[in-house]
């Protein structure tokens, strides 16, 4: 079962990307989330100068379930 933090990241990412089916969030180790998207959507998730990725990390940190998590975007 996915953690609430992983579900939050997946929800946000699916709202940004074009290919919603390609969004994959996994937790390879405790308190670490890895976000994987389709190659053509990676720029949308990262944003200009990393602004979208930074905003996603801030929302995650502000949430009750994701306060202690780190978020990495996988190439």
PDB file of N, CA and C in Angstrom:
ATOM      1  N   UNK A   1       0.829  -1.183   0.000  1.00  0.00           N
ATOM      2  CA  UNK A   1       0.000   0.000   0.000  1.00  0.00           C
ATOM      3  C   UNK A   1       0.876   1.250   0.000  1.00  0.00           C
ATOM      4  N   UNK A   2       0.523   2.187  -0.836  1.00  0.00           N
ATOM      5  CA  UNK A   2       1.304   3.411  -0.952  1.00  0.00           C
ATOM      6  C   UNK A   2       1.025   4.327   0.236  1.00  0.00           C
ATOM      7  N   UNK A   3       2.040   5.047   0.648  1.00  0.00           N
ATOM      8  CA  UNK A   3       1.860   5.976   1.757  1.00  0.00           C
ATOM      9  C   UNK A   3       1.042   7.181   1.288  1.00  0.00           C
ATOM     10  N   UNK A   4       0.511   7.920   2.235  1.00  0.00           N
ATOM     11  CA  UNK A   4      -0.253   9.113   1.894  1.00  0.00           C
ATOM     12  C   UNK A   4       0.624  10.150   1.215  1.00  0.00           C
ATOM     13  N   UNK A   5       1.884  10.212   1.598  1.00  0.00           N
ATOM     14  CA  UNK A   5       2.811  11.148   0.970  1.00  0.00           C
ATOM     15  C   UNK A   5       3.001  10.789  -0.504  1.00  0.00           C
ATOM     16  N   UNK A   6       3.135   9.497  -0.819  1.00  0.00           N
ATOM     17  CA  UNK A   6       3.288   9.064  -2.208  1.00  0.00           C
ATOM     18  C   UNK A   6       2.024   9.354  -3.009  1.00  0.00           C
ATOM     19  N   UNK A   7       0.874   9.169  -2.394  1.00  0.00           N
ATOM     20  CA  UNK A   7      -0.388   9.469  -3.068  1.00  0.00           C
ATOM     21  C   UNK A   7      -0.507  10.962  -3.357  1.00  0.00           C
ATOM     22  N   UNK A   8      -0.055  11.806  -2.440  1.00  0.00           N
ATOM     23  CA  UNK A   8      -0.083  13.256  -2.637  1.00  0.00           C
ATOM     24  C   UNK A   8       0.796  13.652  -3.814  1.00  0.00           C
ATOM     25  N   UNK A   9       2.011  13.128  -3.871  1.00  0.00           N
ATOM     26  CA  UNK A   9       2.931  13.452  -4.966  1.00  0.00           C
ATOM     27  C   UNK A   9       2.358  12.976  -6.299  1.00  0.00           C
ATOM     28  N   UNK A  10       1.787  11.780  -6.322  1.00  0.00           N
ATOM     29  CA  UNK A  10       1.192  11.255  -7.551  1.00  0.00           C
ATOM     30  C   UNK A  10       0.022  12.126  -8.004  1.00  0.00           C
ATOM     31  N   UNK A  11      -0.797  12.571  -7.074  1.00  0.00           N
ATOM     32  CA  UNK A  11      -1.939  13.424  -7.401  1.00  0.00           C
ATOM     33  C   UNK A  11      -1.478  14.739  -8.029  1.00  0.00           C
ATOM     34  N   UNK A  12      -0.483  15.363  -7.438  1.00  0.00           N
ATOM     35  CA  UNK A  12       0.038  16.630  -7.966  1.00  0.00           C
ATOM     36  C   UNK A  12       0.651  16.418  -9.343  1.00  0.00           C
ATOM     37  N   UNK A  13       1.471  15.375  -9.484  1.00  0.00           N
ATOM     38  CA  UNK A  13       2.152  15.118 -10.757  1.00  0.00           C
ATOM     39  C   UNK A  13       1.164  14.817 -11.873  1.00  0.00           C
ATOM     40  N   UNK A  14       0.120  14.053 -11.579  1.00  0.00           N
ATOM     41  CA  UNK A  14      -0.863  13.717 -12.606  1.00  0.00           C
ATOM     42  C   UNK A  14      -1.632  14.940 -13.088  1.00  0.00           C
ATOM     43  N   UNK A  15      -1.708  15.967 -12.271  1.00  0.00           N
ATOM     44  CA  UNK A  15      -2.343  17.214 -12.677  1.00  0.00           C
ATOM     45  C   UNK A  15      -1.473  18.052 -13.591  1.00  0.00           C
ATOM     46  N   UNK A  16      -0.193  17.776 -13.621  1.00  0.00           N
ATOM     47  CA  UNK A  16       0.761  18.569 -14.398  1.00  0.00           C
ATOM     48  C   UNK A  16       1.082  17.930 -15.742  1.00  0.00           C
ATOM     49  N   UNK A  17       1.241  16.621 -15.767  1.00  0.00           N
ATOM     50  CA  UNK A  17       1.760  15.919 -16.946  1.00  0.00           C
ATOM     51  C   UNK A  17       0.686  15.676 -18.001  1.00  0.00           C
ATOM     52  N   UNK A  18       1.123  15.318 -19.188  1.00  0.00           N
ATOM     53  CA  UNK A  18       0.209  14.964 -20.261  1.00  0.00           C
ATOM     54  C   UNK A  18      -0.175  13.500 -20.223  1.00  0.00           C
ATOM     55  N   UNK A  19       0.784  12.622 -19.904  1.00  0.00           N
ATOM     56  CA  UNK A  19       0.548  11.182 -19.852  1.00  0.00           C
ATOM     57  C   UNK A  19       0.407  10.755 -18.393  1.00  0.00           C
ATOM     58  N   UNK A  20      -0.820  10.770 -17.901  1.00  0.00           N
ATOM     59  CA  UNK A  20      -1.083  10.458 -16.493  1.00  0.00           C
ATOM     60  C   UNK A  20      -0.738   9.016 -16.139  1.00  0.00           C
ATOM     61  N   UNK A  21      -0.848   8.120 -17.104  1.00  0.00           N
ATOM     62  CA  UNK A  21      -0.588   6.700 -16.845  1.00  0.00           C
ATOM     63  C   UNK A  21       0.895   6.417 -16.585  1.00  0.00           C
ATOM     64  N   UNK A  22       1.769   7.299 -17.048  1.00  0.00           N
ATOM     65  CA  UNK A  22       3.208   7.076 -16.901  1.00  0.00           C
ATOM     66  C   UNK A  22       3.750   7.555 -15.554  1.00  0.00           C
ATOM     67  N   UNK A  23       2.919   8.192 -14.741  1.00  0.00           N
ATOM     68  CA  UNK A  23       3.372   8.680 -13.435  1.00  0.00           C
ATOM     69  C   UNK A  23       3.519   7.496 -12.491  1.00  0.00           C
ATOM     70  N   UNK A  24       4.699   7.389 -11.897  1.00  0.00           N
ATOM     71  CA  UNK A  24       4.996   6.299 -10.971  1.00  0.00           C
ATOM     72  C   UNK A  24       5.753   6.881  -9.776  1.00  0.00           C
ATOM     73  N   UNK A  25       5.202   6.692  -8.592  1.00  0.00           N
ATOM     74  CA  UNK A  25       5.855   7.140  -7.362  1.00  0.00           C
ATOM     75  C   UNK A  25       6.154   5.904  -6.532  1.00  0.00           C
ATOM     76  N   UNK A  26       7.402   5.759  -6.152  1.00  0.00           N
ATOM     77  CA  UNK A  26       7.775   4.607  -5.324  1.00  0.00           C
ATOM     78  C   UNK A  26       8.613   5.080  -4.141  1.00  0.00           C
ATOM     79  N   UNK A  27       8.668   4.220  -3.151  1.00  0.00           N
ATOM     80  CA  UNK A  27       9.402   4.516  -1.923  1.00  0.00           C
ATOM     81  C   UNK A  27      10.478   3.453  -1.739  1.00  0.00           C
ATOM     82  N   UNK A  28      11.669   3.647  -2.341  1.00  0.00           N
ATOM     83  CA  UNK A  28      12.718   2.622  -2.284  1.00  0.00           C
ATOM     84  C   UNK A  28      13.325   2.442  -0.902  1.00  0.00           C
ATOM     85  N   UNK A  29      13.284   3.481  -0.105  1.00  0.00           N
ATOM     86  CA  UNK A  29      13.772   3.389   1.272  1.00  0.00           C
ATOM     87  C   UNK A  29      12.899   4.311   2.126  1.00  0.00           C
ATOM     88  N   UNK A  30      12.911   4.130   3.415  1.00  0.00           N
ATOM     89  CA  UNK A  30      12.053   4.954   4.273  1.00  0.00           C
ATOM     90  C   UNK A  30      12.321   6.446   4.097  1.00  0.00           C
ATOM     91  N   UNK A  31      11.237   7.198   4.001  1.00  0.00           N
ATOM     92  CA  UNK A  31      11.283   8.666   3.909  1.00  0.00           C
ATOM     93  C   UNK A  31      11.904   9.200   2.631  1.00  0.00           C
ATOM     94  N   UNK A  32      11.916   8.402   1.571  1.00  0.00           N
ATOM     95  CA  UNK A  32      12.399   8.845   0.267  1.00  0.00           C
ATOM     96  C   UNK A  32      11.371   8.455  -0.784  1.00  0.00           C
ATOM     97  N   UNK A  33      10.933   9.433  -1.564  1.00  0.00           N
ATOM     98  CA  UNK A  33      10.006   9.179  -2.659  1.00  0.00           C
ATOM     99  C   UNK A  33      10.707   9.466  -3.976  1.00  0.00           C
ATOM    100  N   UNK A  34      10.513   8.585  -4.942  1.00  0.00           N
ATOM    101  CA  UNK A  34      11.050   8.781  -6.283  1.00  0.00           C
ATOM    102  C   UNK A  34       9.882   8.934  -7.245  1.00  0.00           C
ATOM    103  N   UNK A  35       9.900  10.020  -8.002  1.00  0.00           N
ATOM    104  CA  UNK A  35       8.852  10.304  -8.977  1.00  0.00           C
ATOM    105  C   UNK A  35       9.399  10.054 -10.369  1.00  0.00           C
ATOM    106  N   UNK A  36       8.703   9.211 -11.105  1.00  0.00           N
ATOM    107  CA  UNK A  36       9.100   8.895 -12.480  1.00  0.00           C
ATOM    108  C   UNK A  36       7.939   9.230 -13.395  1.00  0.00           C
ATOM    109  N   UNK A  37       8.238   9.919 -14.509  1.00  0.00           N
ATOM    110  CA  UNK A  37       7.224  10.284 -15.493  1.00  0.00           C
ATOM    111  C   UNK A  37       7.711   9.917 -16.879  1.00  0.00           C
ATOM    112  N   UNK A  38       6.855  10.116 -17.866  1.00  0.00           N
ATOM    113  CA  UNK A  38       7.266   9.907 -19.254  1.00  0.00           C
ATOM    114  C   UNK A  38       8.344  10.933 -19.603  1.00  0.00           C
ATOM    115  N   UNK A  39       9.207  10.574 -20.507  1.00  0.00           N
ATOM    116  CA  UNK A  39      10.333  11.438 -20.890  1.00  0.00           C
ATOM    117  C   UNK A  39       9.857  12.828 -21.323  1.00  0.00           C
ATOM    118  N   UNK A  40       8.777  12.893 -22.090  1.00  0.00           N
ATOM    119  CA  UNK A  40       8.305  14.180 -22.609  1.00  0.00           C
ATOM    120  C   UNK A  40       7.658  15.049 -21.523  1.00  0.00           C
ATOM    121  N   UNK A  41       7.303  14.474 -20.392  1.00  0.00           N
ATOM    122  CA  UNK A  41       6.688  15.229 -19.307  1.00  0.00           C
ATOM    123  C   UNK A  41       7.677  15.650 -18.224  1.00  0.00           C
ATOM    124  N   UNK A  42       8.891  15.207 -18.304  1.00  0.00           N
ATOM    125  CA  UNK A  42       9.862  15.487 -17.256  1.00  0.00           C
ATOM    126  C   UNK A  42      10.103  16.985 -17.087  1.00  0.00           C
ATOM    127  N   UNK A  43      10.138  17.711 -18.190  1.00  0.00           N
ATOM    128  CA  UNK A  43      10.339  19.163 -18.114  1.00  0.00           C
ATOM    129  C   UNK A  43       9.199  19.871 -17.422  1.00  0.00           C
ATOM    130  N   UNK A  44       7.984  19.371 -17.601  1.00  0.00           N
ATOM    131  CA  UNK A  44       6.825  19.967 -16.935  1.00  0.00           C
ATOM    132  C   UNK A  44       6.904  19.767 -15.421  1.00  0.00           C
ATOM    133  N   UNK A  45       7.369  18.607 -15.006  1.00  0.00           N
ATOM    134  CA  UNK A  45       7.446  18.306 -13.574  1.00  0.00           C
ATOM    135  C   UNK A  45       8.575  19.085 -12.908  1.00  0.00           C
ATOM    136  N   UNK A  46       9.658  19.288 -13.628  1.00  0.00           N
ATOM    137  CA  UNK A  46      10.788  20.042 -13.068  1.00  0.00           C
ATOM    138  C   UNK A  46      10.518  21.536 -13.140  1.00  0.00           C
ATOM    139  N   UNK A  47      10.020  22.023 -14.263  1.00  0.00           N
ATOM    140  CA  UNK A  47       9.709  23.438 -14.423  1.00  0.00           C
ATOM    141  C   UNK A  47      10.935  24.265 -14.724  1.00  0.00           C
ATOM    142  N   UNK A  48      10.693  25.522 -15.021  1.00  0.00           N
ATOM    143  CA  UNK A  48      11.812  26.431 -15.313  1.00  0.00           C
ATOM    144  C   UNK A  48      12.620  26.668 -14.047  1.00  0.00           C
ATOM    145  N   UNK A  49      13.896  26.434 -14.155  1.00  0.00           N
ATOM    146  CA  UNK A  49      14.840  26.577 -13.044  1.00  0.00           C
ATOM    147  C   UNK A  49      14.411  25.780 -11.812  1.00  0.00           C
ATOM    148  N   UNK A  50      13.668  24.685 -12.045  1.00  0.00           N
ATOM    149  CA  UNK A  50      13.282  23.801 -10.956  1.00  0.00           C
ATOM    150  C   UNK A  50      12.157  24.317 -10.078  1.00  0.00           C
ATOM    151  N   UNK A  51      11.415  25.308 -10.553  1.00  0.00           N
ATOM    152  CA  UNK A  51      10.382  25.926  -9.718  1.00  0.00           C
ATOM    153  C   UNK A  51       9.239  24.973  -9.394  1.00  0.00           C
ATOM    154  N   UNK A  52       8.789  24.180 -10.359  1.00  0.00           N
ATOM    155  CA  UNK A  52       7.679  23.262 -10.108  1.00  0.00           C
ATOM    156  C   UNK A  52       8.111  22.169  -9.132  1.00  0.00           C
ATOM    157  N   UNK A  53       9.297  21.620  -9.342  1.00  0.00           N
ATOM    158  CA  UNK A  53       9.805  20.585  -8.428  1.00  0.00           C
ATOM    159  C   UNK A  53       9.959  21.148  -7.017  1.00  0.00           C
ATOM    160  N   UNK A  54      10.434  22.371  -6.908  1.00  0.00           N
ATOM    161  CA  UNK A  54      10.594  23.000  -5.597  1.00  0.00           C
ATOM    162  C   UNK A  54       9.229  23.200  -4.940  1.00  0.00           C
ATOM    163  N   UNK A  55       8.239  23.612  -5.725  1.00  0.00           N
ATOM    164  CA  UNK A  55       6.890  23.804  -5.183  1.00  0.00           C
ATOM    165  C   UNK A  55       6.298  22.475  -4.719  1.00  0.00           C
ATOM    166  N   UNK A  56       6.529  21.405  -5.478  1.00  0.00           N
ATOM    167  CA  UNK A  56       6.044  20.090  -5.065  1.00  0.00           C
ATOM    168  C   UNK A  56       6.689  19.673  -3.748  1.00  0.00           C
ATOM    169  N   UNK A  57       7.974  19.934  -3.602  1.00  0.00           N
ATOM    170  CA  UNK A  57       8.667  19.593  -2.356  1.00  0.00           C
ATOM    171  C   UNK A  57       8.137  20.409  -1.182  1.00  0.00           C
ATOM    172  N   UNK A  58       7.806  21.689  -1.431  1.00  0.00           N
ATOM    173  CA  UNK A  58       7.258  22.528  -0.368  1.00  0.00           C
ATOM    174  C   UNK A  58       5.883  22.044   0.072  1.00  0.00           C
ATOM    175  N   UNK A  59       5.037  21.670  -0.878  1.00  0.00           N
ATOM    176  CA  UNK A  59       3.706  21.145  -0.539  1.00  0.00           C
ATOM    177  C   UNK A  59       3.859  19.845   0.248  1.00  0.00           C
ATOM    178  N   UNK A  60       4.765  18.994  -0.187  1.00  0.00           N
ATOM    179  CA  UNK A  60       5.008  17.741   0.515  1.00  0.00           C
ATOM    180  C   UNK A  60       5.477  18.003   1.944  1.00  0.00           C
ATOM    181  N   UNK A  61       6.397  18.935   2.108  1.00  0.00           N
ATOM    182  CA  UNK A  61       6.923  19.249   3.439  1.00  0.00           C
ATOM    183  C   UNK A  61       5.857  19.877   4.336  1.00  0.00           C
ATOM    184  N   UNK A  62       4.924  20.614   3.743  1.00  0.00           N
ATOM    185  CA  UNK A  62       3.884  21.270   4.521  1.00  0.00           C
ATOM    186  C   UNK A  62       2.753  20.321   4.909  1.00  0.00           C
ATOM    187  N   UNK A  63       2.663  19.195   4.228  1.00  0.00           N
ATOM    188  CA  UNK A  63       1.590  18.253   4.541  1.00  0.00           C
ATOM    189  C   UNK A  63       1.933  17.458   5.797  1.00  0.00           C
ATOM    190  N   UNK A  64       0.917  17.005   6.457  1.00  0.00           N
ATOM    191  CA  UNK A  64       1.116  16.230   7.684  1.00  0.00           C
ATOM    192  C   UNK A  64       1.802  14.901   7.386  1.00  0.00           C
ATOM    193  N   UNK A  65       1.389  14.243   6.310  1.00  0.00           N
ATOM    194  CA  UNK A  65       1.921  12.911   6.012  1.00  0.00           C
ATOM    195  C   UNK A  65       3.306  12.933   5.378  1.00  0.00           C
ATOM    196  N   UNK A  66       3.687  14.044   4.758  1.00  0.00           N
ATOM    197  CA  UNK A  66       4.953  14.067   4.035  1.00  0.00           C
ATOM    198  C   UNK A  66       6.017  14.946   4.623  1.00  0.00           C
ATOM    199  N   UNK A  67       5.847  15.368   5.848  1.00  0.00           N
ATOM    200  CA  UNK A  67       6.760  16.333   6.455  1.00  0.00           C
ATOM    201  C   UNK A  67       8.202  15.851   6.515  1.00  0.00           C
ATOM    202  N   UNK A  68       8.412  14.557   6.676  1.00  0.00           N
ATOM    203  CA  UNK A  68       9.778  14.038   6.822  1.00  0.00           C
ATOM    204  C   UNK A  68      10.310  13.388   5.542  1.00  0.00           C
ATOM    205  N   UNK A  69       9.611  13.538   4.429  1.00  0.00           N
ATOM    206  CA  UNK A  69      10.010  12.866   3.192  1.00  0.00           C
ATOM    207  C   UNK A  69      10.888  13.736   2.319  1.00  0.00           C
ATOM    208  N   UNK A  70      11.737  13.092   1.543  1.00  0.00           N
ATOM    209  CA  UNK A  70      12.501  13.732   0.470  1.00  0.00           C
ATOM    210  C   UNK A  70      11.894  13.294  -0.845  1.00  0.00           C
ATOM    211  N   UNK A  71      11.919  14.154  -1.846  1.00  0.00           N
ATOM    212  CA  UNK A  71      11.372  13.832  -3.164  1.00  0.00           C
ATOM    213  C   UNK A  71      12.477  13.963  -4.203  1.00  0.00           C
ATOM    214  N   UNK A  72      12.686  12.907  -4.978  1.00  0.00           N
ATOM    215  CA  UNK A  72      13.642  12.921  -6.082  1.00  0.00           C
ATOM    216  C   UNK A  72      12.885  12.651  -7.368  1.00  0.00           C
ATOM    217  N   UNK A  73      13.268  13.362  -8.412  1.00  0.00           N
ATOM    218  CA  UNK A  73      12.677  13.138  -9.733  1.00  0.00           C
ATOM    219  C   UNK A  73      13.677  12.337 -10.541  1.00  0.00           C
ATOM    220  N   UNK A  74      13.251  11.180 -11.007  1.00  0.00           N
ATOM    221  CA  UNK A  74      14.121  10.224 -11.681  1.00  0.00           C
ATOM    222  C   UNK A  74      14.200  10.547 -13.175  1.00  0.00           C
ATOM    223  N   UNK A  75      15.423  10.543 -13.695  1.00  0.00           N
ATOM    224  CA  UNK A  75      15.636  10.751 -15.145  1.00  0.00           C
ATOM    225  C   UNK A  75      15.398   9.480 -15.904  1.00  0.00           C
TER     226      UNK A  75
END
